[in-house]
Protein backbone atom coordinates (compact mmCIF):
# COMPACT_ATOMS: atom_id res chain seq x y z
CA UNK A 1 0.00 0.00 0.00
CA UNK A 2 2.82 2.44 0.79
CA UNK A 3 2.51 5.68 2.69
CA UNK A 4 -0.37 8.10 2.15
CA UNK A 5 -0.05 10.91 -0.41
CA UNK A 6 0.52 14.42 1.00
CA UNK A 7 -3.18 15.15 0.38
CA UNK A 8 -4.33 11.97 2.18
CA UNK A 9 -1.95 12.72 5.06
CA UNK A 10 -3.28 16.27 5.42
CA UNK A 11 -6.88 15.01 5.33
CA UNK A 12 -6.04 12.73 8.29
CA UNK A 13 -4.30 15.61 10.12
CA UNK A 14 -7.32 17.84 9.48
CA UNK A 15 -9.72 15.13 10.78
CA UNK A 16 -7.70 14.73 13.99
CA UNK A 17 -7.54 18.52 14.55
CA UNK A 18 -11.27 18.92 13.86
CA UNK A 19 -12.17 16.14 16.32
CA UNK A 20 -9.67 17.47 18.86
CA UNK A 21 -11.30 20.90 18.75
CA UNK A 22 -14.93 19.76 18.66
CA UNK A 23 -14.50 17.13 21.39
CA UNK A 24 -12.02 19.17 23.43
CA UNK A 25 -11.35 17.58 26.81
CA UNK A 26 -13.08 14.36 25.75
CA UNK A 27 -10.91 13.46 22.74
CA UNK A 28 -8.51 10.53 22.88
CA UNK A 29 -5.44 12.74 22.33
CA UNK A 30 -4.79 15.31 25.06
CA UNK A 31 -1.88 17.15 23.42
CA UNK A 32 -0.85 17.66 19.80
CA UNK A 33 2.54 18.32 18.23
CA UNK A 34 2.09 19.76 14.73
CA UNK A 35 5.36 19.28 12.87
CA UNK A 36 6.48 20.21 9.38
CA UNK A 37 8.16 22.69 7.07
CA UNK A 38 6.99 26.32 6.88
CA UNK A 39 3.91 27.13 4.81
CA UNK A 40 2.00 23.88 5.30
CA UNK A 41 -0.84 25.23 7.46
CA UNK A 42 0.25 24.49 11.03
CA UNK A 43 -0.45 28.00 12.30
CA UNK A 44 -3.72 28.23 10.37
CA UNK A 45 -4.97 24.91 11.77
CA UNK A 46 -3.83 25.91 15.28
CA UNK A 47 -5.86 29.12 15.00
CA UNK A 48 -8.91 27.09 13.88
CA UNK A 49 -8.53 24.80 16.91
CA UNK A 50 -8.22 27.87 19.19
CA UNK A 51 -11.38 29.45 17.77
CA UNK A 52 -13.49 26.29 18.05
CA UNK A 53 -12.31 25.40 21.57
CA UNK A 54 -12.86 28.96 22.78
CA UNK A 55 -16.32 29.18 21.16
CA UNK A 56 -17.19 26.06 23.18
CA UNK A 57 -16.51 27.94 26.41
CA UNK A 58 -12.95 26.89 27.27
CA UNK A 59 -10.13 29.29 28.09
CA UNK A 60 -7.56 29.35 25.29
CA UNK A 61 -4.27 31.19 25.06
CA UNK A 62 -2.57 31.30 21.66
CA UNK A 63 0.92 32.77 21.37
CA UNK A 64 4.25 32.24 19.66
CA UNK A 65 6.96 30.43 21.60
CA UNK A 66 9.15 33.55 21.33
CA UNK A 67 6.50 35.75 22.98
CA UNK A 68 5.82 33.18 25.70
CA UNK A 69 9.50 32.97 26.63
CA UNK A 70 9.80 36.78 26.53
CA UNK A 71 6.92 37.06 29.04
CA UNK A 72 8.57 34.55 31.40
CA UNK A 73 11.82 36.51 31.05
CA UNK A 74 10.06 39.80 31.86
CA UNK A 75 8.42 38.15 34.89
CA UNK A 76 11.81 37.02 36.16
CA UNK A 77 13.94 40.07 35.37
CA UNK A 78 11.46 42.96 35.73
CA UNK A 79 9.64 41.76 38.82
CA UNK A 80 8.94 45.16 40.35
CA UNK A 81 7.97 47.10 37.20
CA UNK A 82 4.55 47.43 35.57
CA UNK A 83 5.82 45.24 32.70
CA UNK A 84 6.84 42.63 35.25
CA UNK A 85 3.34 42.64 36.77
CA UNK A 86 1.78 42.27 33.34
CA UNK A 87 4.20 39.43 32.53
CA UNK A 88 3.26 37.67 35.79
CA UNK A 89 -0.42 37.79 34.75
CA UNK A 90 0.43 36.52 31.24
CA UNK A 91 2.60 33.65 32.48
CA UNK A 92 -0.16 32.64 34.91
CA UNK A 93 -2.55 32.48 31.93
CA UNK A 94 -0.07 30.28 29.99
CA UNK A 95 0.14 27.86 32.89
CA UNK A 96 -3.56 27.76 33.85
CA UNK A 97 -5.68 28.06 30.68
CA UNK A 98 -7.64 25.02 29.46
CA UNK A 99 -5.73 25.02 26.16
CA UNK A 100 -2.36 26.60 25.42
CA UNK A 101 -1.34 26.82 21.78
CA UNK A 102 2.41 27.33 21.52
CA UNK A 103 3.13 28.37 17.94
CA UNK A 104 6.49 28.13 16.16
CA UNK A 105 8.51 26.31 18.82
CA UNK A 106 12.14 26.23 17.73
CA UNK A 107 12.26 29.73 16.22
CA UNK A 108 13.44 31.20 19.52
CA UNK A 109 17.06 31.44 20.64
CA UNK A 110 17.52 28.34 22.78
CA UNK A 111 19.18 29.45 26.00
CA UNK A 112 19.36 27.71 29.39
CA UNK A 113 16.53 30.05 30.48
CA UNK A 114 14.34 28.95 27.52
CA UNK A 115 15.09 25.26 28.27
CA UNK A 116 14.09 25.73 31.90
CA UNK A 117 10.95 27.71 31.02
CA UNK A 118 9.82 25.24 28.36
CA UNK A 119 10.27 22.35 30.80
CA UNK A 120 8.29 24.19 33.49
CA UNK A 121 5.53 25.09 31.04
CA UNK A 122 5.15 21.58 29.60
CA UNK A 123 5.55 19.75 32.89
CA UNK A 124 3.21 22.04 34.88
CA UNK A 125 0.49 21.69 32.24
CA UNK A 126 0.91 17.89 31.99
CA UNK A 127 0.84 17.46 35.78
CA UNK A 128 -2.34 19.58 36.02
CA UNK A 129 -3.97 17.66 33.15
CA UNK A 130 -4.18 20.78 30.97
CA UNK A 131 -4.09 20.44 27.19
CA UNK A 132 -1.42 21.90 24.91
CA UNK A 133 -0.95 22.14 21.14
CA UNK A 134 2.58 22.86 19.92
CA UNK A 135 3.44 23.73 16.33
CA UNK A 136 7.02 23.59 15.10
CA UNK A 137 9.13 23.36 11.97
CA UNK A 138 11.15 20.74 13.86
CA UNK A 139 10.68 16.99 13.77
CA UNK A 140 10.90 14.94 16.98
CA UNK A 141 14.58 14.37 16.09
CA UNK A 142 14.97 18.15 15.99
CA UNK A 143 13.32 18.45 19.41
CA UNK A 144 15.71 15.80 20.79
CA UNK A 145 18.73 17.62 19.35
CA UNK A 146 17.70 21.08 20.53
CA UNK A 147 16.10 20.60 23.96
CA UNK A 148 16.86 18.60 27.11
CA UNK A 149 16.06 14.86 27.26
CA UNK A 150 13.34 15.65 29.86
CA UNK A 151 11.56 17.98 27.42
CA UNK A 152 11.96 15.60 24.46
CA UNK A 153 10.66 12.68 26.54
CA UNK A 154 7.52 14.56 27.56
CA UNK A 155 6.76 15.73 24.03
CA UNK A 156 7.40 12.26 22.58
CA UNK A 157 5.47 10.44 25.28
CA UNK A 158 2.54 12.79 25.93
CA UNK A 159 1.86 14.48 22.57
CA UNK A 160 0.32 13.04 19.43
CA UNK A 161 2.65 13.84 16.52
CA UNK A 162 0.84 15.16 13.44
CA UNK A 163 3.28 15.45 10.52
CA UNK A 164 2.47 18.14 7.96
CA UNK A 165 3.78 17.37 4.46
CA UNK A 166 3.46 18.94 1.03
CA UNK A 167 4.46 22.15 -0.70
CA UNK A 168 4.66 25.61 0.88
CA UNK A 169 1.21 27.18 0.41
CA UNK A 170 2.65 30.71 0.33
CA UNK A 171 5.04 29.81 -2.52
CA UNK A 172 2.27 28.01 -4.45
CA UNK A 173 -0.02 31.06 -4.12
CA UNK A 174 2.73 33.33 -5.38
CA UNK A 175 3.37 31.07 -8.40
CA UNK A 176 -0.33 31.14 -9.23
CA UNK A 177 -0.49 34.90 -8.83
CA UNK A 178 -2.99 34.79 -5.94
C-alpha atoms as a PDB file:
ATOM      1  CA  UNK A   1       0.000   0.000   0.000  1.00  0.00           C
ATOM      2  CA  UNK A   2       2.818   2.441   0.790  1.00  0.00           C
ATOM      3  CA  UNK A   3       2.510   5.677   2.687  1.00  0.00           C
ATOM      4  CA  UNK A   4      -0.366   8.100   2.147  1.00  0.00           C
ATOM      5  CA  UNK A   5      -0.048  10.912  -0.406  1.00  0.00           C
ATOM      6  CA  UNK A   6       0.524  14.423   0.996  1.00  0.00           C
ATOM      7  CA  UNK A   7      -3.175  15.148   0.384  1.00  0.00           C
ATOM      8  CA  UNK A   8      -4.329  11.973   2.179  1.00  0.00           C
ATOM      9  CA  UNK A   9      -1.948  12.724   5.058  1.00  0.00           C
ATOM     10  CA  UNK A  10      -3.281  16.274   5.415  1.00  0.00           C
ATOM     11  CA  UNK A  11      -6.882  15.013   5.327  1.00  0.00           C
ATOM     12  CA  UNK A  12      -6.040  12.734   8.287  1.00  0.00           C
ATOM     13  CA  UNK A  13      -4.304  15.609  10.123  1.00  0.00           C
ATOM     14  CA  UNK A  14      -7.325  17.844   9.483  1.00  0.00           C
ATOM     15  CA  UNK A  15      -9.718  15.133  10.777  1.00  0.00           C
ATOM     16  CA  UNK A  16      -7.700  14.729  13.991  1.00  0.00           C
ATOM     17  CA  UNK A  17      -7.544  18.521  14.547  1.00  0.00           C
ATOM     18  CA  UNK A  18     -11.269  18.918  13.863  1.00  0.00           C
ATOM     19  CA  UNK A  19     -12.165  16.141  16.320  1.00  0.00           C
ATOM     20  CA  UNK A  20      -9.675  17.469  18.860  1.00  0.00           C
ATOM     21  CA  UNK A  21     -11.301  20.904  18.752  1.00  0.00           C
ATOM     22  CA  UNK A  22     -14.932  19.755  18.660  1.00  0.00           C
ATOM     23  CA  UNK A  23     -14.501  17.126  21.387  1.00  0.00           C
ATOM     24  CA  UNK A  24     -12.021  19.167  23.427  1.00  0.00           C
ATOM     25  CA  UNK A  25     -11.348  17.579  26.809  1.00  0.00           C
ATOM     26  CA  UNK A  26     -13.084  14.357  25.746  1.00  0.00           C
ATOM     27  CA  UNK A  27     -10.915  13.464  22.744  1.00  0.00           C
ATOM     28  CA  UNK A  28      -8.508  10.533  22.878  1.00  0.00           C
ATOM     29  CA  UNK A  29      -5.438  12.737  22.332  1.00  0.00           C
ATOM     30  CA  UNK A  30      -4.787  15.310  25.057  1.00  0.00           C
ATOM     31  CA  UNK A  31      -1.884  17.151  23.422  1.00  0.00           C
ATOM     32  CA  UNK A  32      -0.853  17.660  19.804  1.00  0.00           C
ATOM     33  CA  UNK A  33       2.537  18.319  18.227  1.00  0.00           C
ATOM     34  CA  UNK A  34       2.091  19.760  14.726  1.00  0.00           C
ATOM     35  CA  UNK A  35       5.365  19.275  12.871  1.00  0.00           C
ATOM     36  CA  UNK A  36       6.485  20.209   9.375  1.00  0.00           C
ATOM     37  CA  UNK A  37       8.159  22.688   7.073  1.00  0.00           C
ATOM     38  CA  UNK A  38       6.985  26.321   6.882  1.00  0.00           C
ATOM     39  CA  UNK A  39       3.910  27.135   4.805  1.00  0.00           C
ATOM     40  CA  UNK A  40       2.002  23.880   5.297  1.00  0.00           C
ATOM     41  CA  UNK A  41      -0.837  25.232   7.456  1.00  0.00           C
ATOM     42  CA  UNK A  42       0.252  24.489  11.033  1.00  0.00           C
ATOM     43  CA  UNK A  43      -0.447  28.002  12.295  1.00  0.00           C
ATOM     44  CA  UNK A  44      -3.716  28.232  10.369  1.00  0.00           C
ATOM     45  CA  UNK A  45      -4.971  24.905  11.766  1.00  0.00           C
ATOM     46  CA  UNK A  46      -3.827  25.907  15.282  1.00  0.00           C
ATOM     47  CA  UNK A  47      -5.862  29.121  15.001  1.00  0.00           C
ATOM     48  CA  UNK A  48      -8.910  27.093  13.879  1.00  0.00           C
ATOM     49  CA  UNK A  49      -8.527  24.800  16.913  1.00  0.00           C
ATOM     50  CA  UNK A  50      -8.221  27.866  19.189  1.00  0.00           C
ATOM     51  CA  UNK A  51     -11.380  29.451  17.774  1.00  0.00           C
ATOM     52  CA  UNK A  52     -13.495  26.290  18.046  1.00  0.00           C
ATOM     53  CA  UNK A  53     -12.313  25.402  21.566  1.00  0.00           C
ATOM     54  CA  UNK A  54     -12.857  28.963  22.784  1.00  0.00           C
ATOM     55  CA  UNK A  55     -16.320  29.175  21.156  1.00  0.00           C
ATOM     56  CA  UNK A  56     -17.192  26.064  23.177  1.00  0.00           C
ATOM     57  CA  UNK A  57     -16.507  27.937  26.413  1.00  0.00           C
ATOM     58  CA  UNK A  58     -12.952  26.888  27.268  1.00  0.00           C
ATOM     59  CA  UNK A  59     -10.125  29.292  28.095  1.00  0.00           C
ATOM     60  CA  UNK A  60      -7.559  29.354  25.294  1.00  0.00           C
ATOM     61  CA  UNK A  61      -4.265  31.191  25.059  1.00  0.00           C
ATOM     62  CA  UNK A  62      -2.565  31.303  21.662  1.00  0.00           C
ATOM     63  CA  UNK A  63       0.923  32.769  21.372  1.00  0.00           C
ATOM     64  CA  UNK A  64       4.255  32.242  19.657  1.00  0.00           C
ATOM     65  CA  UNK A  65       6.961  30.434  21.604  1.00  0.00           C
ATOM     66  CA  UNK A  66       9.148  33.546  21.333  1.00  0.00           C
ATOM     67  CA  UNK A  67       6.497  35.745  22.985  1.00  0.00           C
ATOM     68  CA  UNK A  68       5.816  33.178  25.695  1.00  0.00           C
ATOM     69  CA  UNK A  69       9.504  32.966  26.630  1.00  0.00           C
ATOM     70  CA  UNK A  70       9.803  36.782  26.533  1.00  0.00           C
ATOM     71  CA  UNK A  71       6.922  37.062  29.040  1.00  0.00           C
ATOM     72  CA  UNK A  72       8.566  34.551  31.397  1.00  0.00           C
ATOM     73  CA  UNK A  73      11.818  36.510  31.049  1.00  0.00           C
ATOM     74  CA  UNK A  74      10.056  39.800  31.858  1.00  0.00           C
ATOM     75  CA  UNK A  75       8.424  38.152  34.887  1.00  0.00           C
ATOM     76  CA  UNK A  76      11.811  37.020  36.162  1.00  0.00           C
ATOM     77  CA  UNK A  77      13.941  40.068  35.374  1.00  0.00           C
ATOM     78  CA  UNK A  78      11.459  42.964  35.729  1.00  0.00           C
ATOM     79  CA  UNK A  79       9.641  41.764  38.822  1.00  0.00           C
ATOM     80  CA  UNK A  80       8.936  45.165  40.349  1.00  0.00           C
ATOM     81  CA  UNK A  81       7.972  47.102  37.203  1.00  0.00           C
ATOM     82  CA  UNK A  82       4.546  47.430  35.569  1.00  0.00           C
ATOM     83  CA  UNK A  83       5.815  45.238  32.702  1.00  0.00           C
ATOM     84  CA  UNK A  84       6.842  42.628  35.248  1.00  0.00           C
ATOM     85  CA  UNK A  85       3.342  42.643  36.772  1.00  0.00           C
ATOM     86  CA  UNK A  86       1.782  42.271  33.341  1.00  0.00           C
ATOM     87  CA  UNK A  87       4.203  39.430  32.531  1.00  0.00           C
ATOM     88  CA  UNK A  88       3.261  37.671  35.786  1.00  0.00           C
ATOM     89  CA  UNK A  89      -0.424  37.787  34.751  1.00  0.00           C
ATOM     90  CA  UNK A  90       0.431  36.517  31.241  1.00  0.00           C
ATOM     91  CA  UNK A  91       2.601  33.646  32.485  1.00  0.00           C
ATOM     92  CA  UNK A  92      -0.164  32.637  34.906  1.00  0.00           C
ATOM     93  CA  UNK A  93      -2.548  32.479  31.926  1.00  0.00           C
ATOM     94  CA  UNK A  94      -0.074  30.283  29.990  1.00  0.00           C
ATOM     95  CA  UNK A  95       0.137  27.855  32.889  1.00  0.00           C
ATOM     96  CA  UNK A  96      -3.558  27.762  33.847  1.00  0.00           C
ATOM     97  CA  UNK A  97      -5.678  28.060  30.678  1.00  0.00           C
ATOM     98  CA  UNK A  98      -7.638  25.023  29.464  1.00  0.00           C
ATOM     99  CA  UNK A  99      -5.731  25.018  26.159  1.00  0.00           C
ATOM    100  CA  UNK A 100      -2.364  26.595  25.419  1.00  0.00           C
ATOM    101  CA  UNK A 101      -1.338  26.817  21.780  1.00  0.00           C
ATOM    102  CA  UNK A 102       2.410  27.332  21.516  1.00  0.00           C
ATOM    103  CA  UNK A 103       3.131  28.370  17.937  1.00  0.00           C
ATOM    104  CA  UNK A 104       6.489  28.125  16.159  1.00  0.00           C
ATOM    105  CA  UNK A 105       8.505  26.305  18.819  1.00  0.00           C
ATOM    106  CA  UNK A 106      12.143  26.234  17.730  1.00  0.00           C
ATOM    107  CA  UNK A 107      12.261  29.731  16.216  1.00  0.00           C
ATOM    108  CA  UNK A 108      13.441  31.196  19.523  1.00  0.00           C
ATOM    109  CA  UNK A 109      17.061  31.444  20.637  1.00  0.00           C
ATOM    110  CA  UNK A 110      17.516  28.336  22.779  1.00  0.00           C
ATOM    111  CA  UNK A 111      19.176  29.449  26.001  1.00  0.00           C
ATOM    112  CA  UNK A 112      19.357  27.714  29.392  1.00  0.00           C
ATOM    113  CA  UNK A 113      16.532  30.045  30.475  1.00  0.00           C
ATOM    114  CA  UNK A 114      14.345  28.955  27.520  1.00  0.00           C
ATOM    115  CA  UNK A 115      15.085  25.265  28.268  1.00  0.00           C
ATOM    116  CA  UNK A 116      14.088  25.728  31.900  1.00  0.00           C
ATOM    117  CA  UNK A 117      10.952  27.712  31.016  1.00  0.00           C
ATOM    118  CA  UNK A 118       9.819  25.240  28.357  1.00  0.00           C
ATOM    119  CA  UNK A 119      10.271  22.349  30.796  1.00  0.00           C
ATOM    120  CA  UNK A 120       8.292  24.191  33.490  1.00  0.00           C
ATOM    121  CA  UNK A 121       5.534  25.087  31.043  1.00  0.00           C
ATOM    122  CA  UNK A 122       5.151  21.582  29.595  1.00  0.00           C
ATOM    123  CA  UNK A 123       5.552  19.753  32.894  1.00  0.00           C
ATOM    124  CA  UNK A 124       3.211  22.035  34.884  1.00  0.00           C
ATOM    125  CA  UNK A 125       0.490  21.689  32.244  1.00  0.00           C
ATOM    126  CA  UNK A 126       0.912  17.885  31.994  1.00  0.00           C
ATOM    127  CA  UNK A 127       0.838  17.456  35.783  1.00  0.00           C
ATOM    128  CA  UNK A 128      -2.336  19.575  36.017  1.00  0.00           C
ATOM    129  CA  UNK A 129      -3.974  17.658  33.148  1.00  0.00           C
ATOM    130  CA  UNK A 130      -4.184  20.785  30.970  1.00  0.00           C
ATOM    131  CA  UNK A 131      -4.090  20.441  27.191  1.00  0.00           C
ATOM    132  CA  UNK A 132      -1.416  21.899  24.905  1.00  0.00           C
ATOM    133  CA  UNK A 133      -0.950  22.140  21.143  1.00  0.00           C
ATOM    134  CA  UNK A 134       2.577  22.864  19.925  1.00  0.00           C
ATOM    135  CA  UNK A 135       3.443  23.733  16.332  1.00  0.00           C
ATOM    136  CA  UNK A 136       7.020  23.590  15.097  1.00  0.00           C
ATOM    137  CA  UNK A 137       9.126  23.359  11.965  1.00  0.00           C
ATOM    138  CA  UNK A 138      11.154  20.740  13.856  1.00  0.00           C
ATOM    139  CA  UNK A 139      10.681  16.986  13.773  1.00  0.00           C
ATOM    140  CA  UNK A 140      10.897  14.944  16.984  1.00  0.00           C
ATOM    141  CA  UNK A 141      14.582  14.370  16.094  1.00  0.00           C
ATOM    142  CA  UNK A 142      14.974  18.151  15.990  1.00  0.00           C
ATOM    143  CA  UNK A 143      13.325  18.451  19.412  1.00  0.00           C
ATOM    144  CA  UNK A 144      15.708  15.797  20.792  1.00  0.00           C
ATOM    145  CA  UNK A 145      18.728  17.616  19.351  1.00  0.00           C
ATOM    146  CA  UNK A 146      17.697  21.080  20.531  1.00  0.00           C
ATOM    147  CA  UNK A 147      16.104  20.595  23.965  1.00  0.00           C
ATOM    148  CA  UNK A 148      16.858  18.598  27.106  1.00  0.00           C
ATOM    149  CA  UNK A 149      16.063  14.860  27.262  1.00  0.00           C
ATOM    150  CA  UNK A 150      13.342  15.652  29.855  1.00  0.00           C
ATOM    151  CA  UNK A 151      11.558  17.978  27.424  1.00  0.00           C
ATOM    152  CA  UNK A 152      11.957  15.603  24.464  1.00  0.00           C
ATOM    153  CA  UNK A 153      10.657  12.680  26.536  1.00  0.00           C
ATOM    154  CA  UNK A 154       7.522  14.564  27.565  1.00  0.00           C
ATOM    155  CA  UNK A 155       6.763  15.730  24.028  1.00  0.00           C
ATOM    156  CA  UNK A 156       7.401  12.263  22.582  1.00  0.00           C
ATOM    157  CA  UNK A 157       5.470  10.444  25.279  1.00  0.00           C
ATOM    158  CA  UNK A 158       2.543  12.788  25.929  1.00  0.00           C
ATOM    159  CA  UNK A 159       1.864  14.484  22.571  1.00  0.00           C
ATOM    160  CA  UNK A 160       0.324  13.035  19.431  1.00  0.00           C
ATOM    161  CA  UNK A 161       2.646  13.836  16.520  1.00  0.00           C
ATOM    162  CA  UNK A 162       0.838  15.163  13.442  1.00  0.00           C
ATOM    163  CA  UNK A 163       3.283  15.452  10.522  1.00  0.00           C
ATOM    164  CA  UNK A 164       2.471  18.137   7.957  1.00  0.00           C
ATOM    165  CA  UNK A 165       3.776  17.371   4.461  1.00  0.00           C
ATOM    166  CA  UNK A 166       3.457  18.941   1.026  1.00  0.00           C
ATOM    167  CA  UNK A 167       4.462  22.146  -0.701  1.00  0.00           C
ATOM    168  CA  UNK A 168       4.660  25.608   0.876  1.00  0.00           C
ATOM    169  CA  UNK A 169       1.211  27.176   0.409  1.00  0.00           C
ATOM    170  CA  UNK A 170       2.646  30.710   0.327  1.00  0.00           C
ATOM    171  CA  UNK A 171       5.039  29.805  -2.518  1.00  0.00           C
ATOM    172  CA  UNK A 172       2.269  28.013  -4.449  1.00  0.00           C
ATOM    173  CA  UNK A 173      -0.022  31.056  -4.118  1.00  0.00           C
ATOM    174  CA  UNK A 174       2.735  33.332  -5.376  1.00  0.00           C
ATOM    175  CA  UNK A 175       3.366  31.071  -8.400  1.00  0.00           C
ATOM    176  CA  UNK A 176      -0.329  31.136  -9.230  1.00  0.00           C
ATOM    177  CA  UNK A 177      -0.495  34.899  -8.832  1.00  0.00           C
ATOM    178  CA  UNK A 178      -2.986  34.790  -5.943  1.00  0.00           C
END
